[in-house]
Amino acid sequence: MAEIDREFEAQFLHGLRLTTAEITYYMPDHPGLLQIFLWQTQDLAPKYPRLVRFLDFWKREIDAVIHSVQVAHHGLVSPTVWRFADFQGRIN
């Protein structure tokens, strides 16, 4: 019997989706300077337990103050979609 890929199993059977969080933050000594941190993981929408644990860790252990968090997710198990570009020209 063929061995099932663990990531595929997690996506298909457990409903995990690729989740991307864009965390905008600032350091307390430079509140006027916003920085961005991108973080990706497999997580369960809509509650995002791994993301919540990560943000709790951030608040506890990291000096940076979170300004905002934007979350996007996409299921990896899906049919392939082909789109053709409606462009003909030179890129340079």
PDB file of N, CA and C in Angstrom:
ATOM      1  N   MET A   1       0.843  -1.187   0.000  1.00  0.00           N
ATOM      2  CA  MET A   1       0.000   0.000   0.000  1.00  0.00           C
ATOM      3  C   MET A   1       0.881   1.241   0.000  1.00  0.00           C
ATOM      4  N   ALA A   2       0.527   2.219  -0.796  1.00  0.00           N
ATOM      5  CA  ALA A   2       1.317   3.442  -0.912  1.00  0.00           C
ATOM      6  C   ALA A   2       1.197   4.276   0.359  1.00  0.00           C
ATOM      7  N   GLU A   3       2.294   4.915   0.717  1.00  0.00           N
ATOM      8  CA  GLU A   3       2.304   5.766   1.895  1.00  0.00           C
ATOM      9  C   GLU A   3       1.711   7.132   1.539  1.00  0.00           C
ATOM     10  N   ILE A   4       0.844   7.647   2.398  1.00  0.00           N
ATOM     11  CA  ILE A   4       0.189   8.932   2.151  1.00  0.00           C
ATOM     12  C   ILE A   4       1.077  10.052   2.668  1.00  0.00           C
ATOM     13  N   ASP A   5       1.257  11.086   1.860  1.00  0.00           N
ATOM     14  CA  ASP A   5       2.016  12.255   2.267  1.00  0.00           C
ATOM     15  C   ASP A   5       1.292  12.919   3.436  1.00  0.00           C
ATOM     16  N   ARG A   6       2.014  13.194   4.515  1.00  0.00           N
ATOM     17  CA  ARG A   6       1.398  13.748   5.727  1.00  0.00           C
ATOM     18  C   ARG A   6       0.782  15.126   5.484  1.00  0.00           C
ATOM     19  N   GLU A   7       1.424  15.964   4.673  1.00  0.00           N
ATOM     20  CA  GLU A   7       0.855  17.282   4.393  1.00  0.00           C
ATOM     21  C   GLU A   7      -0.451  17.159   3.612  1.00  0.00           C
ATOM     22  N   PHE A   8      -0.479  16.256   2.641  1.00  0.00           N
ATOM     23  CA  PHE A   8      -1.702  16.026   1.878  1.00  0.00           C
ATOM     24  C   PHE A   8      -2.805  15.515   2.802  1.00  0.00           C
ATOM     25  N   GLU A   9      -2.450  14.596   3.681  1.00  0.00           N
ATOM     26  CA  GLU A   9      -3.425  14.058   4.628  1.00  0.00           C
ATOM     27  C   GLU A   9      -3.980  15.170   5.521  1.00  0.00           C
ATOM     28  N   ALA A  10      -3.110  16.036   6.010  1.00  0.00           N
ATOM     29  CA  ALA A  10      -3.551  17.133   6.869  1.00  0.00           C
ATOM     30  C   ALA A  10      -4.482  18.081   6.125  1.00  0.00           C
ATOM     31  N   GLN A  11      -4.164  18.348   4.865  1.00  0.00           N
ATOM     32  CA  GLN A  11      -4.989  19.261   4.079  1.00  0.00           C
ATOM     33  C   GLN A  11      -6.334  18.644   3.748  1.00  0.00           C
ATOM     34  N   PHE A  12      -6.312  17.407   3.302  1.00  0.00           N
ATOM     35  CA  PHE A  12      -7.520  16.775   2.785  1.00  0.00           C
ATOM     36  C   PHE A  12      -8.425  16.252   3.898  1.00  0.00           C
ATOM     37  N   LEU A  13      -7.861  15.539   4.849  1.00  0.00           N
ATOM     38  CA  LEU A  13      -8.671  14.899   5.878  1.00  0.00           C
ATOM     39  C   LEU A  13      -8.991  15.804   7.063  1.00  0.00           C
ATOM     40  N   HIS A  14      -8.072  16.665   7.426  1.00  0.00           N
ATOM     41  CA  HIS A  14      -8.258  17.473   8.622  1.00  0.00           C
ATOM     42  C   HIS A  14      -8.660  18.913   8.317  1.00  0.00           C
ATOM     43  N   GLY A  15      -8.738  19.271   7.056  1.00  0.00           N
ATOM     44  CA  GLY A  15      -9.206  20.605   6.679  1.00  0.00           C
ATOM     45  C   GLY A  15      -8.190  21.715   6.850  1.00  0.00           C
ATOM     46  N   LEU A  16      -6.912  21.375   6.987  1.00  0.00           N
ATOM     47  CA  LEU A  16      -5.901  22.425   7.124  1.00  0.00           C
ATOM     48  C   LEU A  16      -5.722  23.155   5.797  1.00  0.00           C
ATOM     49  N   ARG A  17      -5.466  24.433   5.887  1.00  0.00           N
ATOM     50  CA  ARG A  17      -5.258  25.268   4.707  1.00  0.00           C
ATOM     51  C   ARG A  17      -3.983  26.081   4.891  1.00  0.00           C
ATOM     52  N   LEU A  18      -3.346  26.418   3.774  1.00  0.00           N
ATOM     53  CA  LEU A  18      -2.183  27.296   3.831  1.00  0.00           C
ATOM     54  C   LEU A  18      -2.666  28.663   4.290  1.00  0.00           C
ATOM     55  N   THR A  19      -2.140  29.127   5.414  1.00  0.00           N
ATOM     56  CA  THR A  19      -2.547  30.392   6.006  1.00  0.00           C
ATOM     57  C   THR A  19      -1.353  31.329   6.026  1.00  0.00           C
ATOM     58  N   THR A  20      -1.562  32.537   5.536  1.00  0.00           N
ATOM     59  CA  THR A  20      -0.524  33.559   5.536  1.00  0.00           C
ATOM     60  C   THR A  20      -0.988  34.719   6.402  1.00  0.00           C
ATOM     61  N   ALA A  21      -0.153  35.116   7.350  1.00  0.00           N
ATOM     62  CA  ALA A  21      -0.461  36.252   8.214  1.00  0.00           C
ATOM     63  C   ALA A  21       0.563  37.347   7.953  1.00  0.00           C
ATOM     64  N   GLU A  22       0.058  38.540   7.661  1.00  0.00           N
ATOM     65  CA  GLU A  22       0.916  39.716   7.514  1.00  0.00           C
ATOM     66  C   GLU A  22       0.775  40.523   8.794  1.00  0.00           C
ATOM     67  N   ILE A  23       1.819  40.514   9.596  1.00  0.00           N
ATOM     68  CA  ILE A  23       1.799  41.176  10.894  1.00  0.00           C
ATOM     69  C   ILE A  23       2.545  42.495  10.773  1.00  0.00           C
ATOM     70  N   THR A  24       1.819  43.583  10.986  1.00  0.00           N
ATOM     71  CA  THR A  24       2.424  44.915  10.978  1.00  0.00           C
ATOM     72  C   THR A  24       2.703  45.276  12.435  1.00  0.00           C
ATOM     73  N   TYR A  25       3.927  45.682  12.720  1.00  0.00           N
ATOM     74  CA  TYR A  25       4.325  45.927  14.101  1.00  0.00           C
ATOM     75  C   TYR A  25       5.286  47.108  14.178  1.00  0.00           C
ATOM     76  N   TYR A  26       5.522  47.566  15.414  1.00  0.00           N
ATOM     77  CA  TYR A  26       6.531  48.596  15.648  1.00  0.00           C
ATOM     78  C   TYR A  26       7.252  48.292  16.955  1.00  0.00           C
ATOM     79  N   MET A  27       8.444  48.794  17.058  1.00  0.00           N
ATOM     80  CA  MET A  27       9.213  48.645  18.290  1.00  0.00           C
ATOM     81  C   MET A  27       8.822  49.794  19.225  1.00  0.00           C
ATOM     82  N   PRO A  28       8.765  49.563  20.526  1.00  0.00           N
ATOM     83  CA  PRO A  28       8.335  50.607  21.460  1.00  0.00           C
ATOM     84  C   PRO A  28       9.177  51.876  21.398  1.00  0.00           C
ATOM     85  N   ASP A  29      10.465  51.747  21.094  1.00  0.00           N
ATOM     86  CA  ASP A  29      11.316  52.936  21.027  1.00  0.00           C
ATOM     87  C   ASP A  29      11.217  53.672  19.689  1.00  0.00           C
ATOM     88  N   HIS A  30      10.508  53.109  18.692  1.00  0.00           N
ATOM     89  CA  HIS A  30      10.293  53.764  17.394  1.00  0.00           C
ATOM     90  C   HIS A  30       8.839  53.571  16.955  1.00  0.00           C
ATOM     91  N   PRO A  31       7.879  54.171  17.645  1.00  0.00           N
ATOM     92  CA  PRO A  31       6.470  53.932  17.318  1.00  0.00           C
ATOM     93  C   PRO A  31       6.047  54.483  15.953  1.00  0.00           C
ATOM     94  N   GLY A  32       6.828  55.361  15.381  1.00  0.00           N
ATOM     95  CA  GLY A  32       6.492  55.924  14.078  1.00  0.00           C
ATOM     96  C   GLY A  32       6.974  55.079  12.907  1.00  0.00           C
ATOM     97  N   LEU A  33       7.711  54.007  13.172  1.00  0.00           N
ATOM     98  CA  LEU A  33       8.275  53.163  12.127  1.00  0.00           C
ATOM     99  C   LEU A  33       7.568  51.803  12.129  1.00  0.00           C
ATOM    100  N   LEU A  34       6.700  51.585  11.149  1.00  0.00           N
ATOM    101  CA  LEU A  34       5.997  50.308  11.037  1.00  0.00           C
ATOM    102  C   LEU A  34       6.814  49.331  10.203  1.00  0.00           C
ATOM    103  N   GLN A  35       6.824  48.075  10.621  1.00  0.00           N
ATOM    104  CA  GLN A  35       7.520  47.022   9.900  1.00  0.00           C
ATOM    105  C   GLN A  35       6.546  45.878   9.666  1.00  0.00           C
ATOM    106  N   ILE A  36       6.867  45.018   8.708  1.00  0.00           N
ATOM    107  CA  ILE A  36       5.979  43.916   8.354  1.00  0.00           C
ATOM    108  C   ILE A  36       6.716  42.591   8.506  1.00  0.00           C
ATOM    109  N   PHE A  37       6.016  41.612   9.081  1.00  0.00           N
ATOM    110  CA  PHE A  37       6.520  40.248   9.237  1.00  0.00           C
ATOM    111  C   PHE A  37       5.496  39.321   8.600  1.00  0.00           C
ATOM    112  N   LEU A  38       5.938  38.475   7.650  1.00  0.00           N
ATOM    113  CA  LEU A  38       5.047  37.495   7.028  1.00  0.00           C
ATOM    114  C   LEU A  38       5.290  36.131   7.647  1.00  0.00           C
ATOM    115  N   TRP A  39       4.192  35.425   7.944  1.00  0.00           N
ATOM    116  CA  TRP A  39       4.287  34.111   8.570  1.00  0.00           C
ATOM    117  C   TRP A  39       3.308  33.178   7.896  1.00  0.00           C
ATOM    118  N   GLN A  40       3.765  31.986   7.505  1.00  0.00           N
ATOM    119  CA  GLN A  40       2.896  31.005   6.854  1.00  0.00           C
ATOM    120  C   GLN A  40       2.910  29.703   7.621  1.00  0.00           C
ATOM    121  N   THR A  41       1.750  29.056   7.658  1.00  0.00           N
ATOM    122  CA  THR A  41       1.621  27.755   8.297  1.00  0.00           C
ATOM    123  C   THR A  41       0.367  27.069   7.770  1.00  0.00           C
ATOM    124  N   GLN A  42       0.207  25.814   8.092  1.00  0.00           N
ATOM    125  CA  GLN A  42      -1.034  25.105   7.828  1.00  0.00           C
ATOM    126  C   GLN A  42      -1.930  25.329   9.045  1.00  0.00           C
ATOM    127  N   ASP A  43      -3.156  25.804   8.840  1.00  0.00           N
ATOM    128  CA  ASP A  43      -4.025  26.119   9.963  1.00  0.00           C
ATOM    129  C   ASP A  43      -5.481  25.861   9.601  1.00  0.00           C
ATOM    130  N   LEU A  44      -6.323  25.832  10.607  1.00  0.00           N
ATOM    131  CA  LEU A  44      -7.754  25.591  10.435  1.00  0.00           C
ATOM    132  C   LEU A  44      -8.523  26.901  10.443  1.00  0.00           C
ATOM    133  N   ALA A  45      -9.164  27.216   9.324  1.00  0.00           N
ATOM    134  CA  ALA A  45     -10.021  28.401   9.283  1.00  0.00           C
ATOM    135  C   ALA A  45     -11.376  28.016   9.862  1.00  0.00           C
ATOM    136  N   PRO A  46     -12.119  28.869  10.482  1.00  0.00           N
ATOM    137  CA  PRO A  46     -11.916  30.304  10.693  1.00  0.00           C
ATOM    138  C   PRO A  46     -11.316  30.649  12.051  1.00  0.00           C
ATOM    139  N   LYS A  47     -11.026  29.647  12.894  1.00  0.00           N
ATOM    140  CA  LYS A  47     -10.528  29.969  14.243  1.00  0.00           C
ATOM    141  C   LYS A  47      -9.013  30.145  14.292  1.00  0.00           C
ATOM    142  N   TYR A  48      -8.277  29.561  13.372  1.00  0.00           N
ATOM    143  CA  TYR A  48      -6.823  29.695  13.259  1.00  0.00           C
ATOM    144  C   TYR A  48      -6.105  29.450  14.591  1.00  0.00           C
ATOM    145  N   PRO A  49      -6.192  28.244  15.145  1.00  0.00           N
ATOM    146  CA  PRO A  49      -5.564  27.993  16.456  1.00  0.00           C
ATOM    147  C   PRO A  49      -4.048  28.164  16.473  1.00  0.00           C
ATOM    148  N   ARG A  50      -3.351  27.772  15.410  1.00  0.00           N
ATOM    149  CA  ARG A  50      -1.881  27.939  15.390  1.00  0.00           C
ATOM    150  C   ARG A  50      -1.503  29.411  15.330  1.00  0.00           C
ATOM    151  N   LEU A  51      -2.233  30.187  14.533  1.00  0.00           N
ATOM    152  CA  LEU A  51      -1.965  31.621  14.437  1.00  0.00           C
ATOM    153  C   LEU A  51      -2.229  32.303  15.776  1.00  0.00           C
ATOM    154  N   VAL A  52      -3.300  31.943  16.442  1.00  0.00           N
ATOM    155  CA  VAL A  52      -3.610  32.531  17.747  1.00  0.00           C
ATOM    156  C   VAL A  52      -2.500  32.205  18.747  1.00  0.00           C
ATOM    157  N   ARG A  53      -2.020  30.945  18.747  1.00  0.00           N
ATOM    158  CA  ARG A  53      -0.911  30.575  19.644  1.00  0.00           C
ATOM    159  C   ARG A  53       0.346  31.380  19.319  1.00  0.00           C
ATOM    160  N   PHE A  54       0.617  31.572  18.008  1.00  0.00           N
ATOM    161  CA  PHE A  54       1.792  32.352  17.612  1.00  0.00           C
ATOM    162  C   PHE A  54       1.672  33.805  18.073  1.00  0.00           C
ATOM    163  N   LEU A  55       0.495  34.398  17.900  1.00  0.00           N
ATOM    164  CA  LEU A  55       0.305  35.789  18.320  1.00  0.00           C
ATOM    165  C   LEU A  55       0.377  35.923  19.843  1.00  0.00           C
ATOM    166  N   ASP A  56      -0.122  34.930  20.576  1.00  0.00           N
ATOM    167  CA  ASP A  56       0.010  34.946  22.039  1.00  0.00           C
ATOM    168  C   ASP A  56       1.479  34.878  22.439  1.00  0.00           C
ATOM    169  N   PHE A  57       2.250  34.013  21.756  1.00  0.00           N
ATOM    170  CA  PHE A  57       3.690  33.935  22.003  1.00  0.00           C
ATOM    171  C   PHE A  57       4.348  35.279  21.717  1.00  0.00           C
ATOM    172  N   TRP A  58       3.995  35.904  20.600  1.00  0.00           N
ATOM    173  CA  TRP A  58       4.555  37.201  20.214  1.00  0.00           C
ATOM    174  C   TRP A  58       4.314  38.222  21.325  1.00  0.00           C
ATOM    175  N   LYS A  59       3.084  38.312  21.784  1.00  0.00           N
ATOM    176  CA  LYS A  59       2.743  39.301  22.820  1.00  0.00           C
ATOM    177  C   LYS A  59       3.496  39.040  24.120  1.00  0.00           C
ATOM    178  N   ARG A  60       3.731  37.766  24.442  1.00  0.00           N
ATOM    179  CA  ARG A  60       4.418  37.394  25.677  1.00  0.00           C
ATOM    180  C   ARG A  60       5.927  37.577  25.602  1.00  0.00           C
ATOM    181  N   GLU A  61       6.534  37.207  24.470  1.00  0.00           N
ATOM    182  CA  GLU A  61       7.986  37.065  24.406  1.00  0.00           C
ATOM    183  C   GLU A  61       8.729  38.107  23.574  1.00  0.00           C
ATOM    184  N   ILE A  62       8.029  38.830  22.720  1.00  0.00           N
ATOM    185  CA  ILE A  62       8.705  39.746  21.797  1.00  0.00           C
ATOM    186  C   ILE A  62       8.357  41.185  22.172  1.00  0.00           C
ATOM    187  N   ASP A  63       9.360  42.043  22.142  1.00  0.00           N
ATOM    188  CA  ASP A  63       9.166  43.437  22.543  1.00  0.00           C
ATOM    189  C   ASP A  63       8.361  44.249  21.537  1.00  0.00           C
ATOM    190  N   ALA A  64       8.271  43.782  20.315  1.00  0.00           N
ATOM    191  CA  ALA A  64       7.561  44.528  19.280  1.00  0.00           C
ATOM    192  C   ALA A  64       6.057  44.539  19.563  1.00  0.00           C
ATOM    193  N   VAL A  65       5.421  45.682  19.290  1.00  0.00           N
ATOM    194  CA  VAL A  65       3.988  45.852  19.515  1.00  0.00           C
ATOM    195  C   VAL A  65       3.257  45.625  18.193  1.00  0.00           C
ATOM    196  N   ILE A  66       2.257  44.745  18.216  1.00  0.00           N
ATOM    197  CA  ILE A  66       1.494  44.458  17.003  1.00  0.00           C
ATOM    198  C   ILE A  66       0.538  45.605  16.718  1.00  0.00           C
ATOM    199  N   HIS A  67       0.632  46.135  15.513  1.00  0.00           N
ATOM    200  CA  HIS A  67      -0.258  47.198  15.049  1.00  0.00           C
ATOM    201  C   HIS A  67      -1.505  46.600  14.408  1.00  0.00           C
ATOM    202  N   SER A  68      -1.308  45.627  13.500  1.00  0.00           N
ATOM    203  CA  SER A  68      -2.434  44.985  12.822  1.00  0.00           C
ATOM    204  C   SER A  68      -1.987  43.639  12.262  1.00  0.00           C
ATOM    205  N   VAL A  69      -2.980  42.785  11.981  1.00  0.00           N
ATOM    206  CA  VAL A  69      -2.725  41.472  11.402  1.00  0.00           C
ATOM    207  C   VAL A  69      -3.732  41.249  10.281  1.00  0.00           C
ATOM    208  N   GLN A  70      -3.240  40.901   9.100  1.00  0.00           N
ATOM    209  CA  GLN A  70      -4.109  40.532   7.986  1.00  0.00           C
ATOM    210  C   GLN A  70      -3.873  39.056   7.691  1.00  0.00           C
ATOM    211  N   VAL A  71      -4.962  38.324   7.515  1.00  0.00           N
ATOM    212  CA  VAL A  71      -4.873  36.876   7.325  1.00  0.00           C
ATOM    213  C   VAL A  71      -5.498  36.499   5.993  1.00  0.00           C
ATOM    214  N   ALA A  72      -4.806  35.610   5.270  1.00  0.00           N
ATOM    215  CA  ALA A  72      -5.334  35.042   4.032  1.00  0.00           C
ATOM    216  C   ALA A  72      -5.116  33.539   4.092  1.00  0.00           C
ATOM    217  N   HIS A  73      -6.042  32.783   3.511  1.00  0.00           N
ATOM    218  CA  HIS A  73      -5.850  31.332   3.484  1.00  0.00           C
ATOM    219  C   HIS A  73      -6.347  30.788   2.161  1.00  0.00           C
ATOM    220  N   HIS A  74      -5.767  29.647   1.791  1.00  0.00           N
ATOM    221  CA  HIS A  74      -6.121  29.020   0.529  1.00  0.00           C
ATOM    222  C   HIS A  74      -5.947  27.519   0.670  1.00  0.00           C
ATOM    223  N   GLY A  75      -6.951  26.787   0.241  1.00  0.00           N
ATOM    224  CA  GLY A  75      -6.841  25.337   0.263  1.00  0.00           C
ATOM    225  C   GLY A  75      -5.926  24.860  -0.842  1.00  0.00           C
ATOM    226  N   LEU A  76      -4.969  24.036  -0.511  1.00  0.00           N
ATOM    227  CA  LEU A  76      -4.022  23.545  -1.506  1.00  0.00           C
ATOM    228  C   LEU A  76      -4.600  22.414  -2.347  1.00  0.00           C
ATOM    229  N   VAL A  77      -5.582  21.704  -1.819  1.00  0.00           N
ATOM    230  CA  VAL A  77      -6.183  20.612  -2.562  1.00  0.00           C
ATOM    231  C   VAL A  77      -7.320  21.192  -3.390  1.00  0.00           C
ATOM    232  N   SER A  78      -7.027  21.465  -4.641  1.00  0.00           N
ATOM    233  CA  SER A  78      -8.035  22.054  -5.522  1.00  0.00           C
ATOM    234  C   SER A  78      -7.645  21.745  -6.969  1.00  0.00           C
ATOM    235  N   PRO A  79      -8.616  21.792  -7.873  1.00  0.00           N
ATOM    236  CA  PRO A  79      -8.274  21.545  -9.269  1.00  0.00           C
ATOM    237  C   PRO A  79      -7.395  22.665  -9.818  1.00  0.00           C
ATOM    238  N   THR A  80      -6.597  22.309 -10.779  1.00  0.00           N
ATOM    239  CA  THR A  80      -5.725  23.287 -11.416  1.00  0.00           C
ATOM    240  C   THR A  80      -6.544  24.238 -12.272  1.00  0.00           C
ATOM    241  N   VAL A  81      -6.196  25.497 -12.207  1.00  0.00           N
ATOM    242  CA  VAL A  81      -6.883  26.511 -13.001  1.00  0.00           C
ATOM    243  C   VAL A  81      -5.871  27.099 -13.971  1.00  0.00           C
ATOM    244  N   TRP A  82      -6.226  27.104 -15.233  1.00  0.00           N
ATOM    245  CA  TRP A  82      -5.358  27.684 -16.258  1.00  0.00           C
ATOM    246  C   TRP A  82      -5.933  29.024 -16.664  1.00  0.00           C
ATOM    247  N   ARG A  83      -5.087  30.032 -16.667  1.00  0.00           N
ATOM    248  CA  ARG A  83      -5.493  31.340 -17.160  1.00  0.00           C
ATOM    249  C   ARG A  83      -4.424  31.809 -18.134  1.00  0.00           C
ATOM    250  N   PHE A  84      -4.864  32.307 -19.253  1.00  0.00           N
ATOM    251  CA  PHE A  84      -3.929  32.814 -20.248  1.00  0.00           C
ATOM    252  C   PHE A  84      -3.855  34.333 -20.129  1.00  0.00           C
ATOM    253  N   ALA A  85      -2.668  34.848 -20.231  1.00  0.00           N
ATOM    254  CA  ALA A  85      -2.478  36.295 -20.137  1.00  0.00           C
ATOM    255  C   ALA A  85      -2.930  36.943 -21.429  1.00  0.00           C
ATOM    256  N   ASP A  86      -3.644  38.030 -21.283  1.00  0.00           N
ATOM    257  CA  ASP A  86      -4.102  38.776 -22.454  1.00  0.00           C
ATOM    258  C   ASP A  86      -3.113  39.914 -22.679  1.00  0.00           C
ATOM    259  N   PHE A  87      -1.868  39.534 -23.003  1.00  0.00           N
ATOM    260  CA  PHE A  87      -0.808  40.518 -23.159  1.00  0.00           C
ATOM    261  C   PHE A  87       0.148  40.050 -24.229  1.00  0.00           C
ATOM    262  N   GLN A  88       0.508  40.975 -25.072  1.00  0.00           N
ATOM    263  CA  GLN A  88       1.552  40.693 -26.037  1.00  0.00           C
ATOM    264  C   GLN A  88       2.406  41.943 -26.125  1.00  0.00           C
ATOM    265  N   GLY A  89       3.655  41.818 -25.750  1.00  0.00           N
ATOM    266  CA  GLY A  89       4.520  42.985 -25.739  1.00  0.00           C
ATOM    267  C   GLY A  89       5.867  42.654 -25.148  1.00  0.00           C
ATOM    268  N   ARG A  90       6.597  43.701 -24.820  1.00  0.00           N
ATOM    269  CA  ARG A  90       7.936  43.570 -24.300  1.00  0.00           C
ATOM    270  C   ARG A  90       7.990  44.040 -22.856  1.00  0.00           C
ATOM    271  N   ILE A  91       8.639  43.270 -22.032  1.00  0.00           N
ATOM    272  CA  ILE A  91       8.809  43.663 -20.638  1.00  0.00           C
ATOM    273  C   ILE A  91      10.283  43.938 -20.415  1.00  0.00           C
ATOM    274  N   ASN A  92      10.589  45.176 -20.079  1.00  0.00           N
ATOM    275  CA  ASN A  92      11.961  45.537 -19.792  1.00  0.00           C
ATOM    276  C   ASN A  92      12.009  46.910 -19.194  1.00  0.00           C
TER     277      ASN A  92
END
